[in-house]
Amino acid sequence: MFYLLLEMKILEENAGALTNFEVLDFLRAKGASKDPSRVLAKVAMSEYKVYDYLVKTPAGSQTRESVKEYFTAIKQHDLSEAEVLNVLNIRPASEVEIYHIIEDCEERFPDEEVTEIVEKVGNTLPAPPDKATPEEITKGDEETETQKHDEISQDQTEDGEQMDTS
């Protein structure tokens, strides 16, 4: 972590909340990837765990351009900063999901505006990785056969049976 302090300068402390995409983008910039060896990058194991989680969330298929487009499109709605970030991070695909993210949604917004918010989310943000097309998933984030084999204990066969290692 010390090397990071030498490379970066804090311009403004606690400037605001980060989106999942920004955290994922930062980890990618540090060298985090689906590299099965995970020895080439200066990324801590805890950061890899965060990376592994975030690539499976909607942030895994978002781009700088799509996030910027989302922020521009969502400005006209009277959402708090936390609501804007939660909608971005969760990427609701239906009105039902929006009601759980936006506080007092029924009282604050007519049904048409809720539908409009969902449409803007769908039009500006790509589908989450589990629903994304292969073209939307970046090559570096695809799961490889090597990783699947690494997850199998060395004392087990691929069928999960215990091997005699004595």
C-alpha atoms as a PDB file:
ATOM      1  CA  MET A   1       0.000   0.000   0.000  1.00  0.00           C
ATOM      2  CA  PHE A   2       2.963   2.313   0.628  1.00  0.00           C
ATOM      3  CA  TYR A   3       3.910   2.342  -3.067  1.00  0.00           C
ATOM      4  CA  LEU A   4       0.458   3.710  -3.844  1.00  0.00           C
ATOM      5  CA  LEU A   5       1.061   6.761  -1.657  1.00  0.00           C
ATOM      6  CA  LEU A   6       4.173   7.584  -3.659  1.00  0.00           C
ATOM      7  CA  GLU A   7       2.283   7.468  -6.959  1.00  0.00           C
ATOM      8  CA  MET A   8      -0.884   9.343  -6.041  1.00  0.00           C
ATOM      9  CA  LYS A   9      -1.648  12.657  -4.425  1.00  0.00           C
ATOM     10  CA  ILE A  10      -4.865  13.298  -2.520  1.00  0.00           C
ATOM     11  CA  LEU A  11      -6.514  16.333  -4.066  1.00  0.00           C
ATOM     12  CA  GLU A  12      -9.633  16.382  -1.928  1.00  0.00           C
ATOM     13  CA  GLU A  13     -10.330  14.141   1.056  1.00  0.00           C
ATOM     14  CA  ASN A  14     -13.654  12.327   1.162  1.00  0.00           C
ATOM     15  CA  ALA A  15     -14.899  14.040  -2.005  1.00  0.00           C
ATOM     16  CA  GLY A  16     -17.933  11.753  -2.154  1.00  0.00           C
ATOM     17  CA  ALA A  17     -19.181   8.254  -2.586  1.00  0.00           C
ATOM     18  CA  LEU A  18     -17.745   6.078  -5.335  1.00  0.00           C
ATOM     19  CA  THR A  19     -19.791   3.991  -7.712  1.00  0.00           C
ATOM     20  CA  ASN A  20     -19.089   0.278  -8.048  1.00  0.00           C
ATOM     21  CA  PHE A  21     -17.826   1.027 -11.558  1.00  0.00           C
ATOM     22  CA  GLU A  22     -15.280   3.544 -10.233  1.00  0.00           C
ATOM     23  CA  VAL A  23     -13.964   1.033  -7.698  1.00  0.00           C
ATOM     24  CA  LEU A  24     -13.769  -1.670 -10.368  1.00  0.00           C
ATOM     25  CA  ASP A  25     -12.058   0.734 -12.776  1.00  0.00           C
ATOM     26  CA  PHE A  26      -9.506   1.632 -10.078  1.00  0.00           C
ATOM     27  CA  LEU A  27      -8.763  -2.042  -9.401  1.00  0.00           C
ATOM     28  CA  ARG A  28      -8.349  -2.713 -13.130  1.00  0.00           C
ATOM     29  CA  ALA A  29      -5.961   0.240 -13.363  1.00  0.00           C
ATOM     30  CA  LYS A  30      -3.898  -1.328 -10.561  1.00  0.00           C
ATOM     31  CA  GLY A  31      -3.693  -4.511 -12.597  1.00  0.00           C
ATOM     32  CA  ALA A  32      -6.521  -6.657 -11.257  1.00  0.00           C
ATOM     33  CA  SER A  33      -7.853  -9.063 -13.859  1.00  0.00           C
ATOM     34  CA  LYS A  34      -9.047 -12.608 -14.293  1.00  0.00           C
ATOM     35  CA  ASP A  35      -5.396 -13.680 -14.602  1.00  0.00           C
ATOM     36  CA  PRO A  36      -5.362 -17.094 -12.913  1.00  0.00           C
ATOM     37  CA  SER A  37      -1.869 -16.667 -11.449  1.00  0.00           C
ATOM     38  CA  ARG A  38      -2.577 -13.253  -9.904  1.00  0.00           C
ATOM     39  CA  VAL A  39       1.090 -12.675  -9.246  1.00  0.00           C
ATOM     40  CA  LEU A  40       1.885 -10.061 -11.871  1.00  0.00           C
ATOM     41  CA  ALA A  41      -0.154  -7.169 -10.469  1.00  0.00           C
ATOM     42  CA  LYS A  42       0.413  -5.189  -7.300  1.00  0.00           C
ATOM     43  CA  VAL A  43      -3.047  -6.018  -5.984  1.00  0.00           C
ATOM     44  CA  ALA A  44      -3.745  -7.385  -2.499  1.00  0.00           C
ATOM     45  CA  MET A  45      -5.815 -10.549  -2.102  1.00  0.00           C
ATOM     46  CA  SER A  46      -8.587  -8.552  -0.420  1.00  0.00           C
ATOM     47  CA  GLU A  47      -8.674  -6.274  -3.466  1.00  0.00           C
ATOM     48  CA  TYR A  48      -8.945  -9.329  -5.720  1.00  0.00           C
ATOM     49  CA  LYS A  49     -11.934 -10.480  -3.679  1.00  0.00           C
ATOM     50  CA  VAL A  50     -13.586  -7.097  -4.217  1.00  0.00           C
ATOM     51  CA  TYR A  51     -12.679  -7.296  -7.920  1.00  0.00           C
ATOM     52  CA  ASP A  52     -14.128 -10.816  -8.251  1.00  0.00           C
ATOM     53  CA  TYR A  53     -17.366  -9.635  -6.653  1.00  0.00           C
ATOM     54  CA  LEU A  54     -17.702  -6.430  -8.699  1.00  0.00           C
ATOM     55  CA  VAL A  55     -17.147  -8.048 -12.104  1.00  0.00           C
ATOM     56  CA  LYS A  56     -20.267 -10.136 -11.437  1.00  0.00           C
ATOM     57  CA  THR A  57     -22.377  -7.043 -10.670  1.00  0.00           C
ATOM     58  CA  PRO A  58     -23.748  -4.553 -13.227  1.00  0.00           C
ATOM     59  CA  ALA A  59     -20.477  -2.599 -12.846  1.00  0.00           C
ATOM     60  CA  GLY A  60     -18.722  -5.464 -14.651  1.00  0.00           C
ATOM     61  CA  SER A  61     -20.266  -4.540 -17.986  1.00  0.00           C
ATOM     62  CA  GLN A  62     -20.402  -0.754 -17.584  1.00  0.00           C
ATOM     63  CA  THR A  63     -18.076   1.649 -19.373  1.00  0.00           C
ATOM     64  CA  ARG A  64     -17.053   5.221 -18.648  1.00  0.00           C
ATOM     65  CA  GLU A  65     -19.219   6.350 -21.538  1.00  0.00           C
ATOM     66  CA  SER A  66     -22.315   4.475 -20.355  1.00  0.00           C
ATOM     67  CA  VAL A  67     -21.937   5.802 -16.796  1.00  0.00           C
ATOM     68  CA  LYS A  68     -21.487   9.353 -18.077  1.00  0.00           C
ATOM     69  CA  GLU A  69     -24.541   8.964 -20.318  1.00  0.00           C
ATOM     70  CA  TYR A  70     -26.542   7.614 -17.354  1.00  0.00           C
ATOM     71  CA  PHE A  71     -25.614  10.585 -15.127  1.00  0.00           C
ATOM     72  CA  THR A  72     -26.612  13.008 -17.893  1.00  0.00           C
ATOM     73  CA  ALA A  73     -29.945  11.255 -18.542  1.00  0.00           C
ATOM     74  CA  ILE A  74     -30.934  10.856 -14.874  1.00  0.00           C
ATOM     75  CA  LYS A  75     -30.260  14.517 -13.885  1.00  0.00           C
ATOM     76  CA  GLN A  76     -33.761  15.698 -14.773  1.00  0.00           C
ATOM     77  CA  HIS A  77     -35.304  13.488 -12.085  1.00  0.00           C
ATOM     78  CA  ASP A  78     -35.355  14.672  -8.500  1.00  0.00           C
ATOM     79  CA  LEU A  79     -33.210  11.889  -7.027  1.00  0.00           C
ATOM     80  CA  SER A  80     -30.780  12.200  -4.148  1.00  0.00           C
ATOM     81  CA  GLU A  81     -27.110  11.460  -4.769  1.00  0.00           C
ATOM     82  CA  ALA A  82     -27.440   8.178  -2.875  1.00  0.00           C
ATOM     83  CA  GLU A  83     -30.450   7.164  -4.991  1.00  0.00           C
ATOM     84  CA  VAL A  84     -28.620   7.991  -8.223  1.00  0.00           C
ATOM     85  CA  LEU A  85     -25.642   5.858  -7.112  1.00  0.00           C
ATOM     86  CA  ASN A  86     -27.835   2.981  -5.948  1.00  0.00           C
ATOM     87  CA  VAL A  87     -29.761   2.923  -9.227  1.00  0.00           C
ATOM     88  CA  LEU A  88     -26.436   2.877 -11.101  1.00  0.00           C
ATOM     89  CA  ASN A  89     -24.929   0.146  -8.896  1.00  0.00           C
ATOM     90  CA  ILE A  90     -28.022  -2.081  -8.846  1.00  0.00           C
ATOM     91  CA  ARG A  91     -29.231  -1.324 -12.401  1.00  0.00           C
ATOM     92  CA  PRO A  92     -32.916  -2.123 -11.897  1.00  0.00           C
ATOM     93  CA  ALA A  93     -34.647  -3.605 -14.918  1.00  0.00           C
ATOM     94  CA  SER A  94     -38.248  -3.056 -13.787  1.00  0.00           C
ATOM     95  CA  GLU A  95     -40.418  -0.601 -11.914  1.00  0.00           C
ATOM     96  CA  VAL A  96     -40.761  -3.053  -9.021  1.00  0.00           C
ATOM     97  CA  GLU A  97     -37.017  -2.890  -8.399  1.00  0.00           C
ATOM     98  CA  ILE A  98     -37.025   0.931  -8.467  1.00  0.00           C
ATOM     99  CA  TYR A  99     -39.529   1.143  -5.615  1.00  0.00           C
ATOM    100  CA  HIS A 100     -37.026  -0.545  -3.293  1.00  0.00           C
ATOM    101  CA  ILE A 101     -34.198   1.815  -4.247  1.00  0.00           C
ATOM    102  CA  ILE A 102     -35.924   5.209  -4.256  1.00  0.00           C
ATOM    103  CA  GLU A 103     -37.249   6.389  -0.912  1.00  0.00           C
ATOM    104  CA  ASP A 104     -40.989   7.194  -0.904  1.00  0.00           C
ATOM    105  CA  CYS A 105     -41.073   6.481  -4.629  1.00  0.00           C
ATOM    106  CA  GLU A 106     -44.866   6.147  -4.800  1.00  0.00           C
ATOM    107  CA  GLU A 107     -45.391   9.573  -3.232  1.00  0.00           C
ATOM    108  CA  ARG A 108     -42.569  11.378  -5.049  1.00  0.00           C
ATOM    109  CA  PHE A 109     -42.991  10.123  -8.602  1.00  0.00           C
ATOM    110  CA  PRO A 110     -45.968   9.291 -10.820  1.00  0.00           C
ATOM    111  CA  ASP A 111     -45.963   5.850 -12.457  1.00  0.00           C
ATOM    112  CA  GLU A 112     -44.983   7.366 -15.817  1.00  0.00           C
ATOM    113  CA  GLU A 113     -41.837   8.927 -14.365  1.00  0.00           C
ATOM    114  CA  VAL A 114     -40.842   5.659 -12.673  1.00  0.00           C
ATOM    115  CA  THR A 115     -41.249   3.912 -16.029  1.00  0.00           C
ATOM    116  CA  GLU A 116     -39.160   6.656 -17.651  1.00  0.00           C
ATOM    117  CA  ILE A 117     -36.361   6.168 -15.100  1.00  0.00           C
ATOM    118  CA  VAL A 118     -36.317   2.417 -15.771  1.00  0.00           C
ATOM    119  CA  GLU A 119     -36.221   3.051 -19.530  1.00  0.00           C
ATOM    120  CA  LYS A 120     -33.317   5.498 -19.147  1.00  0.00           C
ATOM    121  CA  VAL A 121     -31.411   2.960 -17.072  1.00  0.00           C
ATOM    122  CA  GLY A 122     -32.039   0.295 -19.712  1.00  0.00           C
ATOM    123  CA  ASN A 123     -31.061   2.608 -22.575  1.00  0.00           C
ATOM    124  CA  THR A 124     -27.878   4.002 -21.026  1.00  0.00           C
ATOM    125  CA  LEU A 125     -26.410   1.120 -19.013  1.00  0.00           C
ATOM    126  CA  PRO A 126     -25.463  -2.247 -20.522  1.00  0.00           C
ATOM    127  CA  ALA A 127     -27.024  -5.447 -19.221  1.00  0.00           C
ATOM    128  CA  PRO A 128     -25.354  -6.991 -16.156  1.00  0.00           C
ATOM    129  CA  PRO A 129     -22.672  -9.634 -16.870  1.00  0.00           C
ATOM    130  CA  ASP A 130     -25.022 -12.551 -16.180  1.00  0.00           C
ATOM    131  CA  LYS A 131     -27.441 -11.172 -18.796  1.00  0.00           C
ATOM    132  CA  ALA A 132     -24.919  -9.552 -21.125  1.00  0.00           C
ATOM    133  CA  THR A 133     -24.130 -10.771 -24.604  1.00  0.00           C
ATOM    134  CA  PRO A 134     -20.589 -12.098 -25.181  1.00  0.00           C
ATOM    135  CA  GLU A 135     -19.705  -8.869 -27.002  1.00  0.00           C
ATOM    136  CA  GLU A 136     -20.552  -6.806 -23.914  1.00  0.00           C
ATOM    137  CA  ILE A 137     -18.219  -8.766 -21.668  1.00  0.00           C
ATOM    138  CA  THR A 138     -14.617  -7.676 -22.006  1.00  0.00           C
ATOM    139  CA  LYS A 139     -12.065 -10.272 -22.967  1.00  0.00           C
ATOM    140  CA  GLY A 140     -10.057  -9.777 -19.756  1.00  0.00           C
ATOM    141  CA  ASP A 141     -13.060 -10.521 -17.595  1.00  0.00           C
ATOM    142  CA  GLU A 142     -14.085 -13.825 -19.160  1.00  0.00           C
ATOM    143  CA  GLU A 143     -13.782 -16.844 -16.909  1.00  0.00           C
ATOM    144  CA  THR A 144     -11.147 -19.292 -18.089  1.00  0.00           C
ATOM    145  CA  GLU A 145     -10.896 -23.024 -17.717  1.00  0.00           C
ATOM    146  CA  THR A 146      -7.686 -22.533 -15.752  1.00  0.00           C
ATOM    147  CA  GLN A 147      -9.545 -20.633 -13.039  1.00  0.00           C
ATOM    148  CA  LYS A 148     -12.162 -23.335 -12.783  1.00  0.00           C
ATOM    149  CA  HIS A 149      -9.429 -25.910 -12.251  1.00  0.00           C
ATOM    150  CA  ASP A 150      -7.685 -23.696  -9.676  1.00  0.00           C
ATOM    151  CA  GLU A 151     -10.851 -23.647  -7.592  1.00  0.00           C
ATOM    152  CA  ILE A 152     -10.811 -27.438  -7.306  1.00  0.00           C
ATOM    153  CA  SER A 153      -8.812 -28.528  -4.297  1.00  0.00           C
ATOM    154  CA  GLN A 154      -5.550 -30.207  -5.145  1.00  0.00           C
ATOM    155  CA  ASP A 155      -6.614 -33.150  -2.993  1.00  0.00           C
ATOM    156  CA  GLN A 156      -9.756 -33.731  -5.055  1.00  0.00           C
ATOM    157  CA  THR A 157     -10.507 -35.048  -8.505  1.00  0.00           C
ATOM    158  CA  GLU A 158     -12.624 -33.045 -10.925  1.00  0.00           C
ATOM    159  CA  ASP A 159     -15.615 -35.108  -9.758  1.00  0.00           C
ATOM    160  CA  GLY A 160     -15.022 -33.837  -6.221  1.00  0.00           C
ATOM    161  CA  GLU A 161     -13.836 -37.196  -4.907  1.00  0.00           C
ATOM    162  CA  GLN A 162     -11.094 -37.199  -2.307  1.00  0.00           C
ATOM    163  CA  MET A 163      -7.728 -38.376  -3.678  1.00  0.00           C
ATOM    164  CA  ASP A 164      -5.262 -40.418  -1.675  1.00  0.00           C
ATOM    165  CA  THR A 165      -2.267 -38.107  -1.260  1.00  0.00           C
ATOM    166  CA  SER A 166      -0.337 -40.225   1.210  1.00  0.00           C
END
